[in-house]
N, C-alpha and C. Protein backbone atom coordinates (compact mmCIF):
# COMPACT_ATOMS: atom_id res chain seq x y z
N MET A 1 116.45 195.37 152.27
CA MET A 1 116.55 196.79 152.19
C MET A 1 117.74 197.18 151.30
N ALA A 2 117.62 198.32 150.67
CA ALA A 2 118.68 198.97 149.72
C ALA A 2 119.20 200.03 150.54
N ILE A 3 120.58 200.23 150.41
CA ILE A 3 121.19 201.37 150.84
C ILE A 3 121.95 202.13 149.79
N ILE A 4 121.59 203.47 149.67
CA ILE A 4 122.30 204.13 148.61
C ILE A 4 123.20 205.11 149.27
N THR A 5 124.42 205.38 148.87
CA THR A 5 125.26 206.41 149.43
C THR A 5 125.78 207.29 148.36
N PHE A 6 125.63 208.66 148.70
CA PHE A 6 126.26 209.72 147.81
C PHE A 6 127.12 210.50 148.78
N GLY A 7 128.35 210.77 148.13
CA GLY A 7 129.34 211.61 148.66
C GLY A 7 129.66 212.77 147.90
N ARG A 8 130.15 214.04 148.54
CA ARG A 8 130.82 215.13 148.03
C ARG A 8 131.84 215.52 148.75
N ILE A 9 133.02 215.71 148.23
CA ILE A 9 134.31 216.16 148.77
C ILE A 9 134.24 217.61 148.43
N SER A 10 134.12 218.31 149.62
CA SER A 10 134.13 219.86 149.45
C SER A 10 134.38 220.42 150.89
N GLY A 11 134.65 221.75 151.06
CA GLY A 11 134.98 222.30 152.25
C GLY A 11 133.66 223.36 152.46
N GLU A 12 134.31 224.72 152.60
CA GLU A 12 133.32 225.77 152.85
C GLU A 12 132.67 226.07 151.46
N TYR A 13 131.76 226.92 151.71
CA TYR A 13 130.85 227.36 150.58
C TYR A 13 131.84 227.83 149.38
N ILE A 14 132.79 228.55 149.55
CA ILE A 14 133.64 229.06 148.43
C ILE A 14 134.21 228.06 147.55
N ASP A 15 134.66 226.77 148.16
CA ASP A 15 135.40 225.65 147.65
C ASP A 15 134.30 225.08 146.66
N ARG A 16 133.17 225.21 146.93
CA ARG A 16 132.01 224.23 146.04
C ARG A 16 131.76 224.85 144.78
N VAL A 17 131.57 224.09 143.68
CA VAL A 17 130.90 224.54 142.52
C VAL A 17 129.39 224.30 142.48
N SER A 18 128.67 224.95 141.63
CA SER A 18 127.32 224.87 141.74
C SER A 18 126.69 223.54 141.54
N SER A 19 127.37 222.65 140.81
CA SER A 19 126.87 221.24 140.71
C SER A 19 127.01 220.39 142.03
N ASP A 20 127.80 220.89 142.96
CA ASP A 20 127.83 220.24 144.25
C ASP A 20 126.62 220.26 145.07
N PHE A 21 125.66 221.34 144.66
CA PHE A 21 124.41 221.76 145.40
C PHE A 21 123.41 220.82 145.08
N PHE A 22 123.39 220.02 144.00
CA PHE A 22 122.19 219.20 143.34
C PHE A 22 122.69 217.76 143.14
N LEU A 23 121.82 216.76 143.16
CA LEU A 23 121.99 215.54 142.81
C LEU A 23 122.19 215.69 141.21
N SER A 24 123.08 214.81 140.72
CA SER A 24 123.25 214.57 139.14
C SER A 24 122.01 213.99 138.74
N GLU A 25 121.89 214.11 137.41
CA GLU A 25 120.83 213.32 136.63
C GLU A 25 120.95 211.62 137.02
N THR A 26 122.25 211.39 136.93
CA THR A 26 122.66 209.74 137.14
C THR A 26 122.12 209.48 138.68
N GLU A 27 122.60 210.23 139.55
CA GLU A 27 122.08 210.15 140.94
C GLU A 27 120.70 209.95 141.21
N ARG A 28 119.90 210.96 140.44
CA ARG A 28 118.46 210.95 140.74
C ARG A 28 117.74 209.78 139.93
N GLU A 29 118.46 209.27 138.81
CA GLU A 29 117.87 208.15 138.06
C GLU A 29 118.08 207.00 138.91
N LEU A 30 119.25 206.76 139.64
CA LEU A 30 119.56 205.65 140.56
C LEU A 30 118.68 205.51 141.60
N VAL A 31 118.25 206.58 142.31
CA VAL A 31 117.34 206.72 143.37
C VAL A 31 115.91 206.23 142.82
N LYS A 32 115.49 206.88 141.77
CA LYS A 32 114.28 206.55 141.24
C LYS A 32 114.08 204.98 140.94
N ASN A 33 115.10 204.44 140.25
CA ASN A 33 114.98 203.02 139.82
C ASN A 33 115.01 202.21 140.96
N VAL A 34 115.87 202.52 141.97
CA VAL A 34 116.08 201.53 143.23
C VAL A 34 114.81 201.65 144.04
N THR A 35 114.26 202.69 144.21
CA THR A 35 113.08 202.87 145.07
C THR A 35 111.99 202.32 144.40
N ARG A 36 111.72 202.34 143.16
CA ARG A 36 110.57 201.66 142.24
C ARG A 36 110.76 200.14 142.68
N ILE A 37 111.88 199.53 142.32
CA ILE A 37 112.16 198.18 142.41
C ILE A 37 111.89 197.72 143.87
N PHE A 38 112.48 198.41 144.77
CA PHE A 38 112.35 197.95 146.20
C PHE A 38 110.96 198.13 146.70
N HIS A 39 110.42 199.28 146.39
CA HIS A 39 109.06 199.59 146.94
C HIS A 39 107.86 198.58 146.29
N ASP A 40 108.18 198.10 145.10
CA ASP A 40 107.34 197.12 144.55
C ASP A 40 107.34 195.84 145.11
N GLU A 41 108.51 195.59 145.86
CA GLU A 41 108.67 194.32 146.66
C GLU A 41 108.43 194.62 148.19
N ASN A 42 107.84 195.79 148.50
CA ASN A 42 107.58 196.36 149.84
C ASN A 42 108.71 196.25 150.70
N LYS A 43 109.82 196.80 150.14
CA LYS A 43 111.09 196.86 150.96
C LYS A 43 111.50 198.27 151.03
N LYS A 44 112.25 198.60 152.01
CA LYS A 44 112.58 199.88 152.31
C LYS A 44 113.96 200.31 151.56
N VAL A 45 114.16 201.74 151.50
CA VAL A 45 115.37 202.12 150.79
C VAL A 45 115.86 203.27 151.71
N VAL A 46 117.20 203.27 151.95
CA VAL A 46 117.80 204.26 152.80
C VAL A 46 118.83 205.05 151.86
N VAL A 47 118.81 206.36 151.92
CA VAL A 47 119.81 207.16 151.17
C VAL A 47 120.62 207.93 152.20
N VAL A 48 121.90 207.69 152.02
CA VAL A 48 122.96 208.26 153.04
C VAL A 48 123.65 209.30 152.31
N LEU A 49 123.78 210.53 152.81
CA LEU A 49 124.51 211.62 152.27
C LEU A 49 125.67 211.85 153.04
N ASN A 50 126.94 211.53 152.49
CA ASN A 50 128.13 211.95 153.10
C ASN A 50 128.73 213.03 152.44
N ILE A 51 128.23 214.32 153.06
CA ILE A 51 128.52 215.62 152.37
C ILE A 51 128.86 216.52 153.42
N GLY A 52 129.70 217.56 152.97
CA GLY A 52 130.26 218.56 153.70
C GLY A 52 129.50 219.91 153.89
N GLY A 53 128.30 219.90 153.28
CA GLY A 53 127.34 221.12 153.25
C GLY A 53 125.96 220.58 152.77
N VAL A 54 125.20 221.60 152.57
CA VAL A 54 123.82 221.31 152.32
C VAL A 54 123.88 220.80 150.77
N ILE A 55 122.82 220.27 150.38
CA ILE A 55 122.57 219.88 149.02
C ILE A 55 121.06 219.66 148.80
N GLU A 56 120.54 219.93 147.58
CA GLU A 56 119.18 219.94 147.30
C GLU A 56 118.87 218.52 146.97
N THR A 57 117.91 217.81 147.60
CA THR A 57 117.53 216.60 147.37
C THR A 57 116.21 216.33 146.67
N GLN A 58 115.37 217.43 146.59
CA GLN A 58 114.13 217.34 145.87
C GLN A 58 114.14 217.12 144.48
N SER A 59 113.46 216.07 143.98
CA SER A 59 113.58 215.70 142.55
C SER A 59 112.71 216.55 141.68
């Protein structure tokens, strides 16, 4: 099994910049590549979000 962890350091809504609300291109590519490799081997992938507010995770 693979475990991917993403974190954001932020407080309330006012403290956050717009990029905090979305996964970066690098983060999306990491998830895409790891899931492809592990799912090809019939293995699971877990993504852990260590964040202080909402984040859009849809690719």
